[in-house]
Amino acid sequence: MVTAGDGLVLALDQGSHASRAVLFDAAGREVAQAFVPVATRREGTDRVEQDAEELVRSLRTALQDACELRPGARIVAAGLATQRSTVVAWSRGAGRALTDAISWQDRRNAAWLSRLAPVATQVRTITGLPLSPHYGASKLRWCLDHLPAVQRAAASGDLAFGPLSSYLVARLTAERTCVADPANASRTLLFDTATLQWSPDMLCLFDLQAGQLPACVPTRHNFGHLDCDGRLVPLAACTGDQSAAAFALGEPDADCALINVGTGAFIQRIVPPGTPLPDGILRSVVCADADGVLTSYEGTVNGAGSALDWLRERVAIDVDRGLSVLAARAAPAEDVPLFMNGVGGLGAPFWRPDFPCEFVGGGDEEARLAAVIESIVFLLRVNLERLERSAPLRRIRISGGLARNDYLCRCLASLSGLSVERPAAVEATARGVAYLAAGRPASWHNVPIEQSFTPSSAPTLTSRYARWRSEMSSRGAAA
């Protein structure tokens, strides 16, 4: 396995809004980064896609730009982290995409998937996931049922499909490797988290062929080589964005809730194998390699940054300025409506793909913005309650773009009763996958905690949370 030694480690982070390339030195200090925005297309309420070729180009551009910032530097290893649950179908021979990248936010085959409800318990037992259209299997089934190019490739034996990570590895490596890491494979509804292989039962359920899927490999693996400014660099690690974020500060602690707030919000805690799985919560493979298997229990909030995008489209408000105003508040606001946050559908622990968005109560634009932020906190709080059923948590560590907002952090601390720690570097995904690619070194740079938000009395916020719970229950989403 590649280790960093005295060279640099390259992290590629392909997210919903951008592709990033970040270079770290052997001690885990960031030395250069490049950023390339990517577009998202939305059609109706259930289709969300990205141009698969644009994602490839954006990563290549970011990689080249980062290398140019450190000309002549010796890059000894690379890691790739991607959006989980996003899938692509491509030509195994030519390598070209046969579909767009169908986003984790996409729910186009929800109606078809609902017919499998009688076997939902079996699906959850094998995969650790609820029967949700956000995950890959129903999207792959839709491609085979509706897209002639995919059907022709399947008939000729040329079809490959699976997680976005697998497509990107096939396109970016010189060897055109066709493999799937466990974190991304486990977001397809086709992966057995006990055997770390594709599940024959799930393949049969979705009528998919194992030979069309990438081979399952560990998180740290010889994935092939990337062309970095004319030099071949081994791609030593591949994982999902949230799984990478868990390693942003090194090895994760079991008594800490790890929250990453970007387009969606994700909350994890590390658990030993065999811990009872709480209702509505996911079982995730965080890392599987020669050192063993690390698993977590995870909750998801679909409407985080995407909920702010939803608000931008409907209200003439400068969201960024409004967030700055909210962040300056010393305590939660008083007169704030409730926001029933169904952006992207309800994730854990409710699993309602069709939940409508609505404000309950009046308020000006700033109050509505506060309501959207609080809705994210409320949804996180429900998931925290589930994650604490196995054992109490001692603190929260928060990362991601929205972690910079003090209002969100203060509300989360006050409502959860836990200290919320915000590291100086909140972009966790790239740092985490670089740590994995470097070989999980004990000498990795320890990022200091920039600010710790301690719980304080917030009776109005607590009252709004109770009213929100009641509203959710009245709408058939009791937790």
Protein backbone atom coordinates (compact mmCIF):
# COMPACT_ATOMS: atom_id res chain seq x y z
CA MET A 1 0.00 0.00 0.00
CA VAL A 2 1.23 3.46 -0.90
CA THR A 3 2.23 5.74 1.99
CA ALA A 4 2.87 9.45 1.80
CA GLY A 5 6.54 9.48 2.83
CA ASP A 6 8.01 12.90 1.99
CA GLY A 7 5.80 13.55 -1.05
CA LEU A 8 2.41 15.15 -1.51
CA VAL A 9 -1.00 13.47 -1.42
CA LEU A 10 -3.71 14.49 -3.89
CA ALA A 11 -7.37 14.47 -2.87
CA LEU A 12 -10.09 14.61 -5.54
CA ASP A 13 -13.50 15.54 -4.18
CA GLN A 14 -16.42 15.36 -6.60
CA GLY A 15 -19.50 16.95 -5.01
CA SER A 16 -22.94 18.15 -6.04
CA HIS A 17 -21.82 21.73 -6.70
CA ALA A 18 -18.14 21.42 -7.60
CA SER A 19 -15.10 19.26 -8.15
CA ARG A 20 -12.05 20.03 -6.05
CA ALA A 21 -8.43 18.93 -6.12
CA VAL A 22 -6.43 19.49 -2.94
CA LEU A 23 -2.77 18.76 -2.28
CA PHE A 24 -1.58 17.88 1.23
CA ASP A 25 1.94 17.39 2.49
CA ALA A 26 3.02 14.27 4.36
CA ALA A 27 1.94 15.82 7.67
CA GLY A 28 -1.58 16.53 6.40
CA ARG A 29 -1.20 20.28 5.85
CA GLU A 30 -3.01 21.70 2.82
CA VAL A 31 -0.57 23.23 0.33
CA ALA A 32 -2.72 23.89 -2.76
CA GLN A 33 -6.27 23.52 -4.00
CA ALA A 34 -8.33 24.10 -7.13
CA PHE A 35 -12.09 24.36 -7.52
CA VAL A 36 -14.28 23.82 -10.61
CA PRO A 37 -18.07 24.40 -10.38
CA VAL A 38 -20.42 21.84 -11.95
CA ALA A 39 -24.03 22.23 -13.02
CA THR A 40 -27.13 20.35 -11.91
CA ARG A 41 -30.26 19.90 -13.99
CA ARG A 42 -33.66 19.50 -12.35
CA GLU A 43 -36.81 18.42 -14.15
CA GLY A 44 -40.07 18.45 -12.28
CA THR A 45 -40.04 17.39 -8.65
CA ASP A 46 -38.27 14.06 -8.97
CA ARG A 47 -35.50 14.21 -11.60
CA VAL A 48 -32.03 15.50 -10.76
CA GLU A 49 -29.09 14.90 -13.11
CA GLN A 50 -25.58 16.04 -13.87
CA ASP A 51 -23.62 15.71 -17.09
CA ALA A 52 -21.34 12.72 -16.51
CA GLU A 53 -18.78 13.98 -19.01
CA GLU A 54 -18.72 17.39 -17.33
CA LEU A 55 -17.89 15.73 -14.03
CA VAL A 56 -14.92 13.97 -15.63
CA ARG A 57 -13.71 17.20 -17.25
CA SER A 58 -14.11 19.16 -14.03
CA LEU A 59 -11.96 16.70 -12.10
CA ARG A 60 -9.27 16.71 -14.77
CA THR A 61 -9.25 20.51 -14.81
CA ALA A 62 -9.10 20.76 -11.02
CA LEU A 63 -6.29 18.19 -10.93
CA GLN A 64 -4.27 20.09 -13.55
CA ASP A 65 -4.85 23.44 -11.85
CA ALA A 66 -3.75 22.10 -8.47
CA CYS A 67 -0.60 20.60 -9.98
CA GLU A 68 0.24 23.90 -11.66
CA LEU A 69 0.13 25.60 -8.26
CA ARG A 70 2.96 23.30 -7.13
CA PRO A 71 5.07 22.79 -10.27
CA GLY A 72 7.53 19.93 -10.01
CA ALA A 73 6.12 18.66 -6.72
CA ARG A 74 6.32 14.93 -6.13
CA ILE A 75 2.81 13.51 -5.72
CA VAL A 76 3.06 9.99 -4.32
CA ALA A 77 -0.59 9.00 -3.78
CA ALA A 78 -4.12 10.11 -4.60
CA GLY A 79 -7.59 9.52 -3.21
CA LEU A 80 -11.05 10.04 -4.71
CA ALA A 81 -14.25 10.85 -2.84
CA THR A 82 -17.60 11.21 -4.59
CA GLN A 83 -21.30 11.74 -4.06
CA ARG A 84 -22.79 8.49 -2.83
CA SER A 85 -26.00 7.09 -4.32
CA THR A 86 -25.38 8.86 -7.64
CA VAL A 87 -25.17 6.34 -10.49
CA VAL A 88 -24.02 6.18 -14.11
CA ALA A 89 -24.26 3.62 -16.91
CA TRP A 90 -21.36 3.53 -19.37
CA SER A 91 -19.83 1.55 -22.22
CA ARG A 92 -17.35 -0.93 -20.79
CA GLY A 93 -15.39 -0.97 -24.04
CA ALA A 94 -15.37 2.68 -25.09
CA GLY A 95 -15.68 4.13 -21.59
CA ARG A 96 -18.21 6.77 -22.65
CA ALA A 97 -21.24 7.52 -20.50
CA LEU A 98 -24.55 6.11 -21.71
CA THR A 99 -26.56 8.15 -19.20
CA ASP A 100 -26.25 11.32 -17.24
CA ALA A 101 -25.07 11.01 -13.66
CA ILE A 102 -28.41 10.37 -11.95
CA SER A 103 -28.14 12.22 -8.65
CA TRP A 104 -28.59 10.87 -5.16
CA GLN A 105 -31.40 13.46 -4.96
CA ASP A 106 -33.27 11.84 -7.89
CA ARG A 107 -36.48 9.90 -7.15
CA ARG A 108 -37.68 9.10 -10.66
CA ASN A 109 -38.49 5.45 -10.01
CA ALA A 110 -40.23 5.86 -6.67
CA ALA A 111 -43.56 4.51 -7.92
CA TRP A 112 -41.95 1.38 -9.34
CA LEU A 113 -39.96 0.85 -6.14
CA SER A 114 -43.07 1.04 -3.96
CA ARG A 115 -44.20 -2.34 -5.31
CA LEU A 116 -41.28 -3.94 -3.44
CA ALA A 117 -42.62 -2.79 -0.06
CA PRO A 118 -43.44 -6.38 1.06
CA VAL A 119 -39.69 -7.22 1.09
CA ALA A 120 -38.50 -3.99 2.70
CA THR A 121 -37.39 -5.82 5.85
CA GLN A 122 -35.23 -8.23 3.87
CA VAL A 123 -33.67 -5.33 1.96
CA ARG A 124 -32.85 -3.51 5.19
CA THR A 125 -31.37 -6.63 6.80
CA ILE A 126 -28.99 -7.27 3.91
CA THR A 127 -28.08 -3.73 2.84
CA GLY A 128 -28.60 -1.68 6.00
CA LEU A 129 -30.80 0.70 3.98
CA PRO A 130 -34.51 1.42 3.73
CA LEU A 131 -36.26 0.79 0.45
CA SER A 132 -35.72 4.32 -0.88
CA PRO A 133 -35.60 5.73 -4.43
CA HIS A 134 -32.62 7.87 -3.40
CA TYR A 135 -30.38 4.81 -3.65
CA GLY A 136 -28.98 3.43 -6.87
CA ALA A 137 -30.80 0.18 -7.68
CA SER A 138 -34.16 1.60 -8.76
CA LYS A 139 -32.36 4.19 -10.91
CA LEU A 140 -30.30 1.50 -12.62
CA ARG A 141 -33.49 -0.49 -13.18
CA TRP A 142 -35.08 2.61 -14.72
CA CYS A 143 -32.16 3.01 -17.14
CA LEU A 144 -32.52 -0.58 -18.35
CA ASP A 145 -36.26 -0.21 -18.73
CA HIS A 146 -36.32 3.15 -20.54
CA LEU A 147 -33.04 4.00 -22.28
CA PRO A 148 -32.31 2.34 -25.66
CA ALA A 149 -28.55 2.99 -25.44
CA VAL A 150 -28.39 1.13 -22.13
CA GLN A 151 -30.52 -1.70 -23.50
CA ARG A 152 -28.26 -2.10 -26.55
CA ALA A 153 -25.13 -2.15 -24.39
CA ALA A 154 -26.70 -4.79 -22.14
CA ALA A 155 -27.63 -6.95 -25.13
CA SER A 156 -24.10 -6.77 -26.57
CA GLY A 157 -22.33 -7.39 -23.25
CA ASP A 158 -20.82 -3.90 -23.27
CA LEU A 159 -22.77 -2.43 -20.34
CA ALA A 160 -21.17 -1.29 -17.09
CA PHE A 161 -23.18 0.51 -14.47
CA GLY A 162 -22.89 1.38 -10.84
CA PRO A 163 -21.83 4.17 -8.48
CA LEU A 164 -20.52 7.46 -9.85
CA SER A 165 -17.20 6.65 -8.16
CA SER A 166 -16.78 3.55 -10.34
CA TYR A 167 -17.42 5.49 -13.53
CA LEU A 168 -14.94 8.19 -12.54
CA VAL A 169 -12.26 5.63 -11.67
CA ALA A 170 -12.82 3.96 -15.05
CA ARG A 171 -12.50 7.29 -16.85
CA LEU A 172 -9.62 8.81 -14.88
CA THR A 173 -7.23 5.89 -14.45
CA ALA A 174 -4.82 4.83 -17.17
CA GLU A 175 -5.92 1.23 -16.61
CA ARG A 176 -9.66 2.11 -16.93
CA THR A 177 -10.26 0.08 -13.79
CA CYS A 178 -13.87 -1.04 -13.24
CA VAL A 179 -14.26 -1.47 -9.47
CA ALA A 180 -16.45 -0.27 -6.59
CA ASP A 181 -15.34 0.66 -3.07
CA PRO A 182 -17.55 -0.46 -0.16
CA ALA A 183 -18.83 2.98 0.90
CA ASN A 184 -20.23 3.78 -2.54
CA ALA A 185 -21.30 0.21 -3.32
CA SER A 186 -23.28 0.16 -0.08
CA ARG A 187 -25.47 3.02 -1.35
CA THR A 188 -26.92 1.03 -4.25
CA LEU A 189 -29.35 -1.30 -2.40
CA LEU A 190 -27.39 -4.12 -4.02
CA PHE A 191 -24.51 -4.54 -1.55
CA ASP A 192 -24.38 -7.01 1.35
CA THR A 193 -22.71 -5.18 4.26
CA ALA A 194 -21.87 -8.50 5.93
CA THR A 195 -20.00 -10.09 3.00
CA LEU A 196 -18.84 -6.80 1.38
CA GLN A 197 -19.96 -8.14 -2.00
CA TRP A 198 -22.94 -7.70 -4.30
CA SER A 199 -25.92 -9.52 -2.87
CA PRO A 200 -27.36 -12.27 -5.12
CA ASP A 201 -30.75 -11.76 -3.46
CA MET A 202 -30.78 -8.03 -4.19
CA LEU A 203 -29.60 -8.53 -7.78
CA CYS A 204 -32.44 -10.99 -8.28
CA LEU A 205 -34.93 -8.61 -6.67
CA PHE A 206 -34.02 -5.78 -9.06
CA ASP A 207 -33.39 -8.12 -12.01
CA LEU A 208 -29.82 -6.89 -12.50
CA GLN A 209 -26.76 -8.84 -13.65
CA ALA A 210 -23.65 -9.07 -11.46
CA GLY A 211 -21.41 -9.06 -14.54
CA GLN A 212 -22.59 -5.55 -15.42
CA LEU A 213 -21.52 -4.18 -12.05
CA PRO A 214 -17.96 -3.23 -11.04
CA ALA A 215 -15.92 -5.66 -8.96
CA CYS A 216 -16.06 -5.01 -5.20
CA VAL A 217 -12.70 -3.99 -3.69
CA PRO A 218 -11.53 -2.45 -0.36
CA THR A 219 -11.47 1.26 0.43
CA ARG A 220 -7.68 1.32 0.18
CA HIS A 221 -6.73 -0.56 -2.96
CA ASN A 222 -4.59 -0.29 -6.08
CA PHE A 223 -7.26 1.44 -8.16
CA GLY A 224 -4.90 2.31 -11.00
CA HIS A 225 -2.96 5.45 -11.88
CA LEU A 226 -3.92 9.07 -12.54
CA ASP A 227 -2.11 11.32 -14.97
CA CYS A 228 -0.87 14.21 -12.82
CA ASP A 229 0.91 16.71 -15.06
CA GLY A 230 2.50 13.95 -17.13
CA ARG A 231 3.34 11.70 -14.18
CA LEU A 232 1.42 8.59 -13.19
CA VAL A 233 0.28 8.70 -9.58
CA PRO A 234 -1.29 5.68 -7.85
CA LEU A 235 -4.95 6.12 -6.88
CA ALA A 236 -4.71 4.50 -3.46
CA ALA A 237 -8.12 5.15 -1.91
CA CYS A 238 -11.71 5.65 -3.03
CA THR A 239 -14.76 6.26 -0.89
CA GLY A 240 -17.93 8.30 -0.50
CA ASP A 241 -17.98 11.93 0.54
CA GLN A 242 -19.50 11.35 3.98
CA SER A 243 -17.33 8.31 4.65
CA ALA A 244 -14.25 10.39 3.84
CA ALA A 245 -15.46 13.25 6.06
CA ALA A 246 -15.43 10.91 9.06
CA PHE A 247 -11.61 10.78 8.77
CA ALA A 248 -11.03 14.53 8.43
CA LEU A 249 -9.36 14.70 11.86
CA GLY A 250 -7.90 11.20 11.78
CA GLU A 251 -9.52 8.10 13.25
CA PRO A 252 -13.13 8.87 14.34
CA ASP A 253 -14.29 8.46 17.96
CA ALA A 254 -17.32 6.38 18.90
CA ASP A 255 -18.66 8.92 21.42
CA CYS A 256 -18.72 11.77 18.90
CA ALA A 257 -21.53 12.48 16.43
CA LEU A 258 -20.02 13.41 13.07
CA ILE A 259 -22.21 15.88 11.17
CA ASN A 260 -21.38 17.09 7.68
CA VAL A 261 -23.70 19.78 6.29
CA GLY A 262 -23.52 20.47 2.58
CA THR A 263 -26.20 20.02 -0.09
CA GLY A 264 -27.59 17.41 2.27
CA ALA A 265 -26.74 16.88 5.92
CA PHE A 266 -25.41 13.58 7.22
CA ILE A 267 -24.90 12.45 10.79
CA GLN A 268 -22.84 9.41 11.77
CA ARG A 269 -21.53 7.64 14.81
CA ILE A 270 -19.03 4.80 14.78
CA VAL A 271 -20.45 1.58 16.25
CA PRO A 272 -19.06 -1.90 16.84
CA PRO A 273 -20.44 -4.72 14.68
CA GLY A 274 -23.62 -6.25 16.05
CA THR A 275 -24.96 -3.11 17.73
CA PRO A 276 -28.77 -3.07 17.32
CA LEU A 277 -29.78 -0.89 14.39
CA PRO A 278 -32.23 1.85 15.45
CA ASP A 279 -35.45 2.18 13.46
CA GLY A 280 -35.13 4.48 10.47
CA ILE A 281 -31.33 4.74 10.69
CA LEU A 282 -28.83 3.41 8.14
CA ARG A 283 -25.96 1.00 8.60
CA SER A 284 -22.94 2.28 6.66
CA VAL A 285 -19.54 0.85 5.80
CA VAL A 286 -17.19 3.74 6.53
CA CYS A 287 -14.00 1.92 5.60
CA ALA A 288 -12.98 -1.64 4.80
CA ASP A 289 -9.32 -2.46 4.23
CA ALA A 290 -6.48 -4.59 5.54
CA ASP A 291 -6.89 -2.98 8.98
CA GLY A 292 -10.47 -4.22 9.27
CA VAL A 293 -14.01 -2.97 8.73
CA LEU A 294 -15.28 0.24 10.32
CA THR A 295 -19.04 0.69 10.39
CA SER A 296 -21.32 3.51 11.43
CA TYR A 297 -24.95 4.23 11.97
CA GLU A 298 -26.08 7.17 9.90
CA GLY A 299 -28.96 9.56 9.57
CA THR A 300 -29.63 11.75 6.54
CA VAL A 301 -31.28 15.12 5.95
CA ASN A 302 -31.93 15.71 2.26
CA GLY A 303 -32.84 19.39 2.58
CA ALA A 304 -29.76 21.24 3.88
CA GLY A 305 -27.95 23.46 1.36
CA SER A 306 -30.56 22.31 -1.16
CA ALA A 307 -33.25 23.80 1.11
CA LEU A 308 -31.51 27.18 0.87
CA ASP A 309 -31.47 26.78 -2.91
CA TRP A 310 -35.21 26.05 -2.73
CA LEU A 311 -35.71 29.28 -0.78
CA ARG A 312 -33.60 31.31 -3.25
CA GLU A 313 -35.83 30.20 -6.10
CA ARG A 314 -39.02 31.31 -4.35
CA VAL A 315 -38.16 34.37 -2.26
CA ALA A 316 -36.37 37.52 -3.38
CA ILE A 317 -33.78 37.34 -0.63
CA ASP A 318 -30.01 37.56 -0.55
CA VAL A 319 -29.51 34.26 1.26
CA ASP A 320 -25.77 34.72 1.81
CA ARG A 321 -26.25 38.14 3.40
CA GLY A 322 -29.16 36.80 5.44
CA LEU A 323 -27.02 33.96 6.75
CA SER A 324 -24.40 36.47 7.88
CA VAL A 325 -27.05 38.45 9.76
CA LEU A 326 -28.34 35.29 11.44
CA ALA A 327 -24.82 34.18 12.35
CA ALA A 328 -24.32 37.42 14.29
CA ARG A 329 -27.24 36.62 16.60
CA ALA A 330 -26.21 35.62 20.12
CA ALA A 331 -29.31 33.44 20.58
CA PRO A 332 -32.07 31.87 18.48
CA ALA A 333 -34.54 34.33 16.99
CA GLU A 334 -37.93 34.89 18.63
CA ASP A 335 -40.64 35.21 15.95
CA VAL A 336 -39.81 32.45 13.49
CA PRO A 337 -42.31 30.30 11.57
CA LEU A 338 -41.89 26.56 11.14
CA PHE A 339 -40.56 25.21 7.87
CA MET A 340 -41.74 21.74 6.95
CA ASN A 341 -38.61 20.73 5.09
CA GLY A 342 -39.44 18.19 2.43
CA VAL A 343 -36.77 19.39 -0.01
CA GLY A 344 -35.53 16.25 -1.78
CA GLY A 345 -38.00 14.20 0.26
CA LEU A 346 -37.68 13.28 3.93
CA GLY A 347 -34.64 11.17 4.73
CA ALA A 348 -33.95 9.40 8.02
CA PRO A 349 -35.77 8.40 10.08
CA PHE A 350 -39.02 9.20 8.20
CA TRP A 351 -38.29 8.05 4.62
CA ARG A 352 -41.05 9.96 2.86
CA PRO A 353 -40.02 10.76 -0.75
CA ASP A 354 -43.10 12.92 -1.41
CA PHE A 355 -43.27 15.18 1.65
CA PRO A 356 -44.40 18.73 0.65
CA CYS A 357 -42.56 21.89 1.68
CA GLU A 358 -44.51 24.55 3.53
CA PHE A 359 -44.07 27.42 6.00
CA VAL A 360 -46.36 27.30 9.03
CA GLY A 361 -46.84 30.79 10.41
CA GLY A 362 -45.91 34.23 9.14
CA GLY A 363 -42.69 36.18 9.18
CA ASP A 364 -40.44 38.39 7.11
CA GLU A 365 -37.67 37.12 4.84
CA GLU A 366 -35.11 36.89 7.62
CA ALA A 367 -37.55 34.91 9.75
CA ARG A 368 -38.17 32.50 6.89
CA LEU A 369 -34.45 32.02 6.41
CA ALA A 370 -34.10 31.30 10.13
CA ALA A 371 -36.95 28.78 9.81
CA VAL A 372 -35.12 26.91 7.04
CA ILE A 373 -31.92 26.76 9.10
CA GLU A 374 -33.87 25.60 12.15
CA SER A 375 -35.61 22.90 10.10
CA ILE A 376 -32.19 21.41 9.33
CA VAL A 377 -31.38 21.45 13.05
CA PHE A 378 -34.75 19.85 13.89
CA LEU A 379 -34.19 17.03 11.42
CA LEU A 380 -30.67 16.49 12.77
CA ARG A 381 -32.03 16.40 16.31
CA VAL A 382 -34.49 13.62 15.46
CA ASN A 383 -31.63 11.58 14.03
CA LEU A 384 -29.43 12.28 17.08
CA GLU A 385 -32.15 10.86 19.31
CA ARG A 386 -32.02 7.60 17.34
CA LEU A 387 -28.22 7.44 17.35
CA GLU A 388 -28.12 7.85 21.13
CA ARG A 389 -30.29 4.81 21.75
CA SER A 390 -27.25 2.50 21.81
CA ALA A 391 -25.10 4.75 24.03
CA PRO A 392 -24.93 8.43 25.01
CA LEU A 393 -22.94 10.83 22.85
CA ARG A 394 -20.50 13.28 24.43
CA ARG A 395 -20.11 15.86 21.68
CA ILE A 396 -20.78 16.80 18.06
CA ARG A 397 -18.16 17.60 15.45
CA ILE A 398 -19.54 19.58 12.52
CA SER A 399 -18.08 20.12 9.06
CA GLY A 400 -19.22 21.15 5.58
CA GLY A 401 -20.10 24.50 4.06
CA LEU A 402 -23.04 25.30 6.38
CA ALA A 403 -20.90 24.50 9.43
CA ARG A 404 -19.56 28.05 9.05
CA ASN A 405 -22.93 29.44 10.10
CA ASP A 406 -22.89 30.23 13.82
CA TYR A 407 -26.70 30.36 14.03
CA LEU A 408 -26.99 26.74 12.92
CA CYS A 409 -24.25 25.65 15.33
CA ARG A 410 -25.77 27.52 18.30
CA CYS A 411 -29.22 26.09 17.65
CA LEU A 412 -27.81 22.59 17.30
CA ALA A 413 -25.89 22.84 20.59
CA SER A 414 -28.83 24.25 22.51
CA LEU A 415 -31.37 21.78 21.15
CA SER A 416 -29.16 18.68 21.48
CA GLY A 417 -27.59 19.53 24.83
CA LEU A 418 -24.18 18.64 23.36
CA SER A 419 -21.16 20.78 22.65
CA VAL A 420 -20.70 21.41 18.94
CA GLU A 421 -17.06 21.56 17.85
CA ARG A 422 -16.17 23.28 14.58
CA PRO A 423 -12.66 22.57 13.30
CA ALA A 424 -10.61 25.33 11.69
CA ALA A 425 -10.90 23.43 8.39
CA VAL A 426 -14.58 22.66 7.76
CA GLU A 427 -14.11 21.14 4.28
CA ALA A 428 -13.79 17.61 5.58
CA THR A 429 -14.16 15.33 2.56
CA ALA A 430 -10.88 16.11 0.78
CA ARG A 431 -8.90 15.99 4.01
CA GLY A 432 -10.43 12.65 4.97
CA VAL A 433 -9.78 10.90 1.67
CA ALA A 434 -6.21 12.25 1.62
CA TYR A 435 -5.69 10.72 5.06
CA LEU A 436 -6.89 7.35 3.74
CA ALA A 437 -4.74 7.60 0.61
CA ALA A 438 -1.71 8.46 2.75
CA GLY A 439 -2.13 5.18 4.62
CA ARG A 440 -3.93 6.49 7.75
CA PRO A 441 -0.68 7.84 9.27
CA ALA A 442 -0.43 8.58 12.99
CA SER A 443 1.55 11.72 12.14
CA TRP A 444 -1.33 13.33 10.21
CA HIS A 445 -1.78 17.01 11.06
CA ASN A 446 -4.22 17.61 13.90
CA VAL A 447 -6.60 20.38 12.83
CA PRO A 448 -7.46 22.57 15.84
CA ILE A 449 -11.02 23.26 16.93
CA GLU A 450 -11.80 26.79 15.76
CA GLN A 451 -14.84 27.25 17.98
CA SER A 452 -16.86 25.21 20.43
CA PHE A 453 -20.55 26.04 20.88
CA THR A 454 -21.83 25.06 24.32
CA PRO A 455 -25.49 24.32 25.03
CA SER A 456 -27.53 27.16 26.49
CA SER A 457 -31.15 27.62 27.49
CA ALA A 458 -33.29 28.37 24.42
CA PRO A 459 -36.96 28.05 25.44
CA THR A 460 -38.38 29.56 22.23
CA LEU A 461 -36.32 27.20 20.08
CA THR A 462 -37.31 24.24 22.24
CA SER A 463 -40.95 25.26 21.97
CA ARG A 464 -40.69 25.53 18.17
CA TYR A 465 -39.10 22.07 18.04
CA ALA A 466 -42.03 20.63 20.01
CA ARG A 467 -44.51 22.33 17.67
CA TRP A 468 -42.53 21.08 14.66
CA ARG A 469 -42.70 17.51 15.99
CA SER A 470 -46.45 17.88 16.39
CA GLU A 471 -46.84 19.27 12.88
CA MET A 472 -44.75 16.43 11.45
CA SER A 473 -46.89 13.88 13.25
CA SER A 474 -50.09 15.47 11.99
CA ARG A 475 -48.73 15.13 8.44
CA GLY A 476 -48.04 11.43 8.87
CA ALA A 477 -44.32 11.76 9.63
CA ALA A 478 -44.11 10.79 13.28
CA ALA A 479 -40.63 9.95 14.58
